[in-house]
PDB file of N, CA and C in Angstrom:
ATOM      1  N   MET A   1      46.388  36.385  27.832  1.00  0.00           N
ATOM      2  CA  MET A   1      45.218  36.190  28.393  1.00  0.00           C
ATOM      3  C   MET A   1      45.721  36.548  29.774  1.00  0.00           C
ATOM      4  N   ALA A   2      44.670  37.492  30.497  1.00  0.00           N
ATOM      5  CA  ALA A   2      45.124  37.925  31.337  1.00  0.00           C
ATOM      6  C   ALA A   2      44.892  36.908  32.920  1.00  0.00           C
ATOM      7  N   ARG A   3      45.139  37.059  34.123  1.00  0.00           N
ATOM      8  CA  ARG A   3      44.862  35.984  35.119  1.00  0.00           C
ATOM      9  C   ARG A   3      44.089  36.061  36.026  1.00  0.00           C
ATOM     10  N   GLN A   4      43.225  35.031  36.324  1.00  0.00           N
ATOM     11  CA  GLN A   4      42.084  35.604  37.348  1.00  0.00           C
ATOM     12  C   GLN A   4      42.307  34.748  38.406  1.00  0.00           C
ATOM     13  N   VAL A   5      41.385  35.199  39.704  1.00  0.00           N
ATOM     14  CA  VAL A   5      41.270  34.041  40.811  1.00  0.00           C
ATOM     15  C   VAL A   5      40.283  34.214  41.029  1.00  0.00           C
ATOM     16  N   ILE A   6      39.481  32.989  41.443  1.00  0.00           N
ATOM     17  CA  ILE A   6      38.091  32.676  41.657  1.00  0.00           C
ATOM     18  C   ILE A   6      38.699  31.973  43.182  1.00  0.00           C
ATOM     19  N   TYR A   7      37.639  32.678  44.187  1.00  0.00           N
ATOM     20  CA  TYR A   7      37.586  32.475  45.253  1.00  0.00           C
ATOM     21  C   TYR A   7      36.226  32.607  46.326  1.00  0.00           C
ATOM     22  N   THR A   8      36.141  31.556  47.132  1.00  0.00           N
ATOM     23  CA  THR A   8      34.876  31.901  48.292  1.00  0.00           C
ATOM     24  C   THR A   8      35.323  32.757  49.410  1.00  0.00           C
ATOM     25  N   PHE A   9      34.404  33.575  49.964  1.00  0.00           N
ATOM     26  CA  PHE A   9      34.638  34.262  50.697  1.00  0.00           C
ATOM     27  C   PHE A   9      33.551  34.198  51.830  1.00  0.00           C
ATOM     28  N   LYS A  10      33.496  33.296  53.360  1.00  0.00           N
ATOM     29  CA  LYS A  10      32.268  33.496  53.926  1.00  0.00           C
ATOM     30  C   LYS A  10      31.095  32.950  52.694  1.00  0.00           C
ATOM     31  N   GLY A  11      31.094  32.030  51.848  1.00  0.00           N
ATOM     32  CA  GLY A  11      30.406  31.600  51.088  1.00  0.00           C
ATOM     33  C   GLY A  11      29.904  31.864  50.020  1.00  0.00           C
ATOM     34  N   GLN A  12      30.354  33.083  49.646  1.00  0.00           N
ATOM     35  CA  GLN A  12      30.124  33.666  48.440  1.00  0.00           C
ATOM     36  C   GLN A  12      31.418  33.390  47.625  1.00  0.00           C
ATOM     37  N   THR A  13      31.022  32.994  46.268  1.00  0.00           N
ATOM     38  CA  THR A  13      32.150  32.939  45.006  1.00  0.00           C
ATOM     39  C   THR A  13      32.421  34.612  44.449  1.00  0.00           C
ATOM     40  N   LYS A  14      33.788  34.583  44.361  1.00  0.00           N
ATOM     41  CA  LYS A  14      33.677  36.084  43.558  1.00  0.00           C
ATOM     42  C   LYS A  14      35.229  35.534  42.771  1.00  0.00           C
ATOM     43  N   THR A  15      35.214  36.432  41.366  1.00  0.00           N
ATOM     44  CA  THR A  15      36.499  36.538  40.797  1.00  0.00           C
ATOM     45  C   THR A  15      36.899  38.063  40.667  1.00  0.00           C
ATOM     46  N   ILE A  16      38.527  37.659  40.614  1.00  0.00           N
ATOM     47  CA  ILE A  16      38.931  38.909  40.560  1.00  0.00           C
ATOM     48  C   ILE A  16      40.227  39.030  39.418  1.00  0.00           C
ATOM     49  N   ALA A  17      40.841  40.113  38.586  1.00  0.00           N
ATOM     50  CA  ALA A  17      41.772  40.423  38.244  1.00  0.00           C
ATOM     51  C   ALA A  17      43.053  39.731  38.798  1.00  0.00           C
ATOM     52  N   PHE A  18      44.146  39.261  38.386  1.00  0.00           N
ATOM     53  CA  PHE A  18      45.237  39.060  39.309  1.00  0.00           C
ATOM     54  C   PHE A  18      46.967  39.443  38.543  1.00  0.00           C
ATOM     55  N   SER A  19      47.681  40.004  39.035  1.00  0.00           N
ATOM     56  CA  SER A  19      48.963  40.873  38.169  1.00  0.00           C
ATOM     57  C   SER A  19      49.645  40.209  39.319  1.00  0.00           C
ATOM     58  N   TYR A  20      50.800  39.480  38.797  1.00  0.00           N
ATOM     59  CA  TYR A  20      52.642  39.604  39.675  1.00  0.00           C
ATOM     60  C   TYR A  20      52.770  40.960  40.156  1.00  0.00           C
ATOM     61  N   ASP A  21      52.508  41.656  38.982  1.00  0.00           N
ATOM     62  CA  ASP A  21      53.376  43.390  39.112  1.00  0.00           C
ATOM     63  C   ASP A  21      52.268  44.040  40.429  1.00  0.00           C
ATOM     64  N   LYS A  22      51.443  43.334  40.918  1.00  0.00           N
ATOM     65  CA  LYS A  22      50.692  43.942  42.026  1.00  0.00           C
ATOM     66  C   LYS A  22      50.801  43.154  43.293  1.00  0.00           C
ATOM     67  N   HIS A  23      50.629  41.877  43.319  1.00  0.00           N
ATOM     68  CA  HIS A  23      50.358  40.858  44.487  1.00  0.00           C
ATOM     69  C   HIS A  23      51.376  39.706  44.385  1.00  0.00           C
ATOM     70  N   HIS A  24      52.343  39.502  45.849  1.00  0.00           N
ATOM     71  CA  HIS A  24      52.856  38.340  45.455  1.00  0.00           C
ATOM     72  C   HIS A  24      52.359  36.743  45.251  1.00  0.00           C
ATOM     73  N   ASP A  25      51.136  36.525  45.427  1.00  0.00           N
ATOM     74  CA  ASP A  25      50.453  35.734  45.353  1.00  0.00           C
ATOM     75  C   ASP A  25      48.797  35.606  45.418  1.00  0.00           C
ATOM     76  N   LEU A  26      48.031  34.653  44.864  1.00  0.00           N
ATOM     77  CA  LEU A  26      46.975  35.001  44.952  1.00  0.00           C
ATOM     78  C   LEU A  26      45.935  34.964  45.843  1.00  0.00           C
ATOM     79  N   TYR A  27      46.620  33.977  47.219  1.00  0.00           N
ATOM     80  CA  TYR A  27      46.252  34.601  48.649  1.00  0.00           C
ATOM     81  C   TYR A  27      46.336  36.035  48.932  1.00  0.00           C
ATOM     82  N   GLU A  28      46.888  37.094  48.749  1.00  0.00           N
ATOM     83  CA  GLU A  28      47.406  38.187  49.232  1.00  0.00           C
ATOM     84  C   GLU A  28      46.027  39.118  48.099  1.00  0.00           C
ATOM     85  N   ALA A  29      46.151  38.867  46.601  1.00  0.00           N
ATOM     86  CA  ALA A  29      45.064  39.223  45.877  1.00  0.00           C
ATOM     87  C   ALA A  29      43.611  39.252  46.441  1.00  0.00           C
ATOM     88  N   ALA A  30      43.462  37.715  46.994  1.00  0.00           N
ATOM     89  CA  ALA A  30      41.920  37.661  47.797  1.00  0.00           C
ATOM     90  C   ALA A  30      41.331  38.396  48.780  1.00  0.00           C
ATOM     91  N   ALA A  31      42.958  38.273  49.997  1.00  0.00           N
ATOM     92  CA  ALA A  31      42.690  39.133  51.112  1.00  0.00           C
ATOM     93  C   ALA A  31      42.349  40.803  50.568  1.00  0.00           C
ATOM     94  N   GLU A  32      42.906  41.454  49.812  1.00  0.00           N
ATOM     95  CA  GLU A  32      43.019  42.747  49.614  1.00  0.00           C
ATOM     96  C   GLU A  32      41.756  42.974  49.076  1.00  0.00           C
ATOM     97  N   ALA A  33      40.911  42.194  48.114  1.00  0.00           N
ATOM     98  CA  ALA A  33      39.561  42.313  47.377  1.00  0.00           C
ATOM     99  C   ALA A  33      38.991  42.115  48.587  1.00  0.00           C
ATOM    100  N   GLU A  34      38.939  41.386  49.713  1.00  0.00           N
ATOM    101  CA  GLU A  34      37.660  41.586  50.738  1.00  0.00           C
ATOM    102  C   GLU A  34      38.193  42.355  51.644  1.00  0.00           C
ATOM    103  N   GLY A  35      39.530  43.529  51.797  1.00  0.00           N
ATOM    104  CA  GLY A  35      39.321  44.515  53.161  1.00  0.00           C
ATOM    105  C   GLY A  35      40.730  44.226  53.889  1.00  0.00           C
ATOM    106  N   ILE A  36      41.356  42.890  53.731  1.00  0.00           N
ATOM    107  CA  ILE A  36      42.037  42.257  55.112  1.00  0.00           C
ATOM    108  C   ILE A  36      43.299  42.359  55.235  1.00  0.00           C
ATOM    109  N   ASP A  37      43.597  42.738  56.229  1.00  0.00           N
ATOM    110  CA  ASP A  37      45.119  43.370  56.533  1.00  0.00           C
ATOM    111  C   ASP A  37      46.152  42.320  56.924  1.00  0.00           C
ATOM    112  N   LEU A  38      47.079  41.802  56.090  1.00  0.00           N
ATOM    113  CA  LEU A  38      47.698  40.342  55.965  1.00  0.00           C
ATOM    114  C   LEU A  38      49.218  41.121  56.728  1.00  0.00           C
ATOM    115  N   SER A  39      49.258  42.206  57.346  1.00  0.00           N
ATOM    116  CA  SER A  39      50.521  42.719  57.891  1.00  0.00           C
ATOM    117  C   SER A  39      51.424  41.361  59.181  1.00  0.00           C
ATOM    118  N   ARG A  40      50.259  41.603  60.059  1.00  0.00           N
ATOM    119  CA  ARG A  40      50.393  40.613  60.898  1.00  0.00           C
ATOM    120  C   ARG A  40      50.869  38.677  60.594  1.00  0.00           C
ATOM    121  N   PHE A  41      50.030  38.414  59.481  1.00  0.00           N
ATOM    122  CA  PHE A  41      49.810  37.637  59.092  1.00  0.00           C
ATOM    123  C   PHE A  41      51.209  37.293  58.441  1.00  0.00           C
ATOM    124  N   LEU A  42      51.292  38.298  57.550  1.00  0.00           N
ATOM    125  CA  LEU A  42      52.610  37.587  56.761  1.00  0.00           C
ATOM    126  C   LEU A  42      54.224  37.819  57.552  1.00  0.00           C
ATOM    127  N   ALA A  43      53.780  38.714  58.907  1.00  0.00           N
ATOM    128  CA  ALA A  43      55.220  38.744  59.804  1.00  0.00           C
ATOM    129  C   ALA A  43      55.072  37.194  60.410  1.00  0.00           C
ATOM    130  N   MET A  44      53.900  36.600  60.645  1.00  0.00           N
ATOM    131  CA  MET A  44      53.987  35.224  61.122  1.00  0.00           C
ATOM    132  C   MET A  44      54.431  34.642  60.558  1.00  0.00           C
ATOM    133  N   GLU A  45      54.254  34.173  59.307  1.00  0.00           N
ATOM    134  CA  GLU A  45      54.373  33.509  57.972  1.00  0.00           C
ATOM    135  C   GLU A  45      55.808  33.478  58.307  1.00  0.00           C
ATOM    136  N   GLN A  46      56.364  34.619  58.483  1.00  0.00           N
ATOM    137  CA  GLN A  46      58.014  34.767  57.761  1.00  0.00           C
ATOM    138  C   GLN A  46      58.702  33.942  58.922  1.00  0.00           C
ATOM    139  N   GLN A  47      58.343  34.450  60.374  1.00  0.00           N
ATOM    140  CA  GLN A  47      58.656  33.791  61.493  1.00  0.00           C
ATOM    141  C   GLN A  47      58.803  32.283  61.272  1.00  0.00           C
ATOM    142  N   ILE A  48      57.585  31.441  61.070  1.00  0.00           N
ATOM    143  CA  ILE A  48      57.451  30.138  60.581  1.00  0.00           C
ATOM    144  C   ILE A  48      58.327  29.397  59.662  1.00  0.00           C
ATOM    145  N   ALA A  49      58.595  30.420  58.760  1.00  0.00           N
ATOM    146  CA  ALA A  49      60.000  30.154  57.714  1.00  0.00           C
ATOM    147  C   ALA A  49      61.181  29.798  58.356  1.00  0.00           C
ATOM    148  N   LEU A  50      61.736  30.518  59.057  1.00  0.00           N
ATOM    149  CA  LEU A  50      62.746  30.981  59.387  1.00  0.00           C
ATOM    150  C   LEU A  50      63.188  30.185  60.730  1.00  0.00           C
ATOM    151  N   THR A  51      62.245  29.465  61.222  1.00  0.00           N
ATOM    152  CA  THR A  51      62.187  28.804  62.726  1.00  0.00           C
ATOM    153  C   THR A  51      61.613  27.385  62.731  1.00  0.00           C
ATOM    154  N   SER A  52      60.946  27.063  61.259  1.00  0.00           N
ATOM    155  CA  SER A  52      60.252  25.934  61.103  1.00  0.00           C
ATOM    156  C   SER A  52      61.363  24.658  60.430  1.00  0.00           C
ATOM    157  N   LYS A  53      61.206  23.434  61.091  1.00  0.00           N
ATOM    158  CA  LYS A  53      61.576  22.285  60.509  1.00  0.00           C
ATOM    159  C   LYS A  53      61.869  21.726  59.202  1.00  0.00           C
ATOM    160  N   LYS A  54      60.312  21.928  58.989  1.00  0.00           N
ATOM    161  CA  LYS A  54      59.448  21.459  58.135  1.00  0.00           C
ATOM    162  C   LYS A  54      59.225  22.432  57.026  1.00  0.00           C
ATOM    163  N   GLY A  55      59.906  23.517  56.845  1.00  0.00           N
ATOM    164  CA  GLY A  55      59.671  24.844  55.829  1.00  0.00           C
ATOM    165  C   GLY A  55      58.925  24.777  55.324  1.00  0.00           C
ATOM    166  N   ALA A  56      58.757  24.743  54.028  1.00  0.00           N
ATOM    167  CA  ALA A  56      57.387  25.379  52.984  1.00  0.00           C
ATOM    168  C   ALA A  56      55.931  24.349  53.452  1.00  0.00           C
ATOM    169  N   ARG A  57      56.421  22.922  54.297  1.00  0.00           N
ATOM    170  CA  ARG A  57      55.275  22.358  54.123  1.00  0.00           C
ATOM    171  C   ARG A  57      54.336  22.945  55.734  1.00  0.00           C
ATOM    172  N   ALA A  58      55.265  23.474  56.960  1.00  0.00           N
ATOM    173  CA  ALA A  58      54.315  24.434  58.049  1.00  0.00           C
ATOM    174  C   ALA A  58      54.046  25.880  57.433  1.00  0.00           C
ATOM    175  N   GLU A  59      54.368  26.592  56.568  1.00  0.00           N
ATOM    176  CA  GLU A  59      54.239  28.083  56.026  1.00  0.00           C
ATOM    177  C   GLU A  59      52.784  27.616  55.488  1.00  0.00           C
ATOM    178  N   LYS A  60      52.907  26.315  54.430  1.00  0.00           N
ATOM    179  CA  LYS A  60      51.486  26.081  53.475  1.00  0.00           C
ATOM    180  C   LYS A  60      50.346  25.736  54.482  1.00  0.00           C
ATOM    181  N   ASP A  61      50.637  24.610  55.844  1.00  0.00           N
ATOM    182  CA  ASP A  61      49.716  24.696  56.291  1.00  0.00           C
ATOM    183  C   ASP A  61      49.138  25.820  57.506  1.00  0.00           C
ATOM    184  N   PHE A  62      50.106  26.750  57.826  1.00  0.00           N
ATOM    185  CA  PHE A  62      49.749  27.854  58.407  1.00  0.00           C
ATOM    186  C   PHE A  62      48.726  28.820  57.678  1.00  0.00           C
ATOM    187  N   ARG A  63      49.247  28.881  56.158  1.00  0.00           N
ATOM    188  CA  ARG A  63      48.367  29.649  55.802  1.00  0.00           C
ATOM    189  C   ARG A  63      47.077  29.291  55.106  1.00  0.00           C
ATOM    190  N   LYS A  64      46.825  27.907  55.174  1.00  0.00           N
ATOM    191  CA  LYS A  64      45.479  27.159  54.772  1.00  0.00           C
ATOM    192  C   LYS A  64      44.953  27.321  56.163  1.00  0.00           C
ATOM    193  N   THR A  65      45.070  27.240  57.328  1.00  0.00           N
ATOM    194  CA  THR A  65      44.350  27.528  57.871  1.00  0.00           C
ATOM    195  C   THR A  65      44.298  28.636  58.644  1.00  0.00           C
ATOM    196  N   GLU A  66      45.369  30.140  58.541  1.00  0.00           N
ATOM    197  CA  GLU A  66      44.781  31.030  58.935  1.00  0.00           C
ATOM    198  C   GLU A  66      43.587  31.884  57.793  1.00  0.00           C
ATOM    199  N   PHE A  67      44.025  31.336  56.438  1.00  0.00           N
ATOM    200  CA  PHE A  67      42.838  32.193  55.671  1.00  0.00           C
ATOM    201  C   PHE A  67      41.629  31.328  55.858  1.00  0.00           C
ATOM    202  N   ALA A  68      41.901  30.211  56.479  1.00  0.00           N
ATOM    203  CA  ALA A  68      40.167  29.399  56.776  1.00  0.00           C
ATOM    204  C   ALA A  68      39.636  30.162  57.623  1.00  0.00           C
ATOM    205  N   ARG A  69      40.459  30.576  58.751  1.00  0.00           N
ATOM    206  CA  ARG A  69      39.934  31.581  59.994  1.00  0.00           C
ATOM    207  C   ARG A  69      39.389  32.636  59.462  1.00  0.00           C
ATOM    208  N   PHE A  70      39.897  33.366  58.145  1.00  0.00           N
ATOM    209  CA  PHE A  70      39.629  34.597  57.636  1.00  0.00           C
ATOM    210  C   PHE A  70      38.861  34.633  56.923  1.00  0.00           C
ATOM    211  N   GLY A  71      37.996  33.478  56.440  1.00  0.00           N
ATOM    212  CA  GLY A  71      36.584  32.939  55.937  1.00  0.00           C
ATOM    213  C   GLY A  71      37.030  32.530  54.714  1.00  0.00           C
ATOM    214  N   PHE A  72      37.943  32.418  53.948  1.00  0.00           N
ATOM    215  CA  PHE A  72      38.433  31.739  52.456  1.00  0.00           C
ATOM    216  C   PHE A  72      37.811  30.406  52.642  1.00  0.00           C
ATOM    217  N   SER A  73      36.937  29.819  51.465  1.00  0.00           N
ATOM    218  CA  SER A  73      37.104  28.045  51.660  1.00  0.00           C
ATOM    219  C   SER A  73      37.958  27.611  50.811  1.00  0.00           C
ATOM    220  N   SER A  74      38.014  28.168  49.678  1.00  0.00           N
ATOM    221  CA  SER A  74      38.850  28.090  48.402  1.00  0.00           C
ATOM    222  C   SER A  74      39.330  29.400  47.346  1.00  0.00           C
ATOM    223  N   ILE A  75      40.474  29.165  47.046  1.00  0.00           N
ATOM    224  CA  ILE A  75      41.477  30.538  46.549  1.00  0.00           C
ATOM    225  C   ILE A  75      42.007  29.602  45.472  1.00  0.00           C
ATOM    226  N   LYS A  76      41.573  30.062  44.153  1.00  0.00           N
ATOM    227  CA  LYS A  76      42.979  29.076  42.753  1.00  0.00           C
ATOM    228  C   LYS A  76      42.786  30.251  41.880  1.00  0.00           C
ATOM    229  N   PHE A  77      43.779  30.062  40.871  1.00  0.00           N
ATOM    230  CA  PHE A  77      43.734  30.342  39.579  1.00  0.00           C
ATOM    231  C   PHE A  77      42.478  30.009  38.120  1.00  0.00           C
ATOM    232  N   VAL A  78      41.462  31.018  38.078  1.00  0.00           N
ATOM    233  CA  VAL A  78      40.770  30.252  37.065  1.00  0.00           C
ATOM    234  C   VAL A  78      41.689  29.858  35.820  1.00  0.00           C
ATOM    235  N   ARG A  79      41.120  28.314  35.254  1.00  0.00           N
ATOM    236  CA  ARG A  79      41.951  27.869  34.100  1.00  0.00           C
ATOM    237  C   ARG A  79      41.418  27.897  33.187  1.00  0.00           C
ATOM    238  N   GLU A  80      41.705  27.817  31.889  1.00  0.00           N
ATOM    239  CA  GLU A  80      40.720  28.323  30.801  1.00  0.00           C
ATOM    240  C   GLU A  80      39.796  27.187  30.339  1.00  0.00           C
ATOM    241  N   ASP A  81      39.974  25.853  30.837  1.00  0.00           N
ATOM    242  CA  ASP A  81      38.854  25.085  30.896  1.00  0.00           C
ATOM    243  C   ASP A  81      37.658  25.456  31.815  1.00  0.00           C
ATOM    244  N   ASP A  82      37.565  26.121  33.169  1.00  0.00           N
ATOM    245  CA  ASP A  82      36.781  26.671  33.924  1.00  0.00           C
ATOM    246  C   ASP A  82      36.465  27.634  33.457  1.00  0.00           C
ATOM    247  N   GLU A  83      36.522  28.492  32.709  1.00  0.00           N
ATOM    248  CA  GLU A  83      36.142  29.387  31.856  1.00  0.00           C
ATOM    249  C   GLU A  83      35.237  29.183  30.469  1.00  0.00           C
ATOM    250  N   GLU A  84      35.360  28.192  30.202  1.00  0.00           N
ATOM    251  CA  GLU A  84      34.768  27.320  28.968  1.00  0.00           C
ATOM    252  C   GLU A  84      33.570  26.893  29.739  1.00  0.00           C
ATOM    253  N   THR A  85      33.610  26.170  31.033  1.00  0.00           N
ATOM    254  CA  THR A  85      32.623  25.638  31.466  1.00  0.00           C
ATOM    255  C   THR A  85      31.605  26.041  32.329  1.00  0.00           C
ATOM    256  N   SER A  86      31.927  27.701  32.747  1.00  0.00           N
ATOM    257  CA  SER A  86      31.231  28.430  33.312  1.00  0.00           C
ATOM    258  C   SER A  86      30.553  29.187  31.937  1.00  0.00           C
ATOM    259  N   ASN A  87      30.861  29.112  30.765  1.00  0.00           N
ATOM    260  CA  ASN A  87      30.272  29.657  29.549  1.00  0.00           C
ATOM    261  C   ASN A  87      28.790  29.171  28.710  1.00  0.00           C
ATOM    262  N   SER A  88      29.164  27.764  29.280  1.00  0.00           N
ATOM    263  CA  SER A  88      28.059  27.166  28.567  1.00  0.00           C
ATOM    264  C   SER A  88      26.832  26.860  29.037  1.00  0.00           C
TER     265      SER A  88
END
């Protein structure tokens, strides 16, 4: 089964196809679908990873905050039971 990402951007929920061949993670896929350039974001995220004593936690917090600022309120993989619920 092909992976899909469901996300809410500025109040509108959308579903897109996802492949690890094309994107590093689901956040990058959603940003690309909305035409958001992540080059500055990714550079800052890398700096946080290199300098933070909290490690992955600091990166996760930064990602969550910045994507909310971009206009995303939810980004997740579609699960099989999500699809069955939406088809019923």
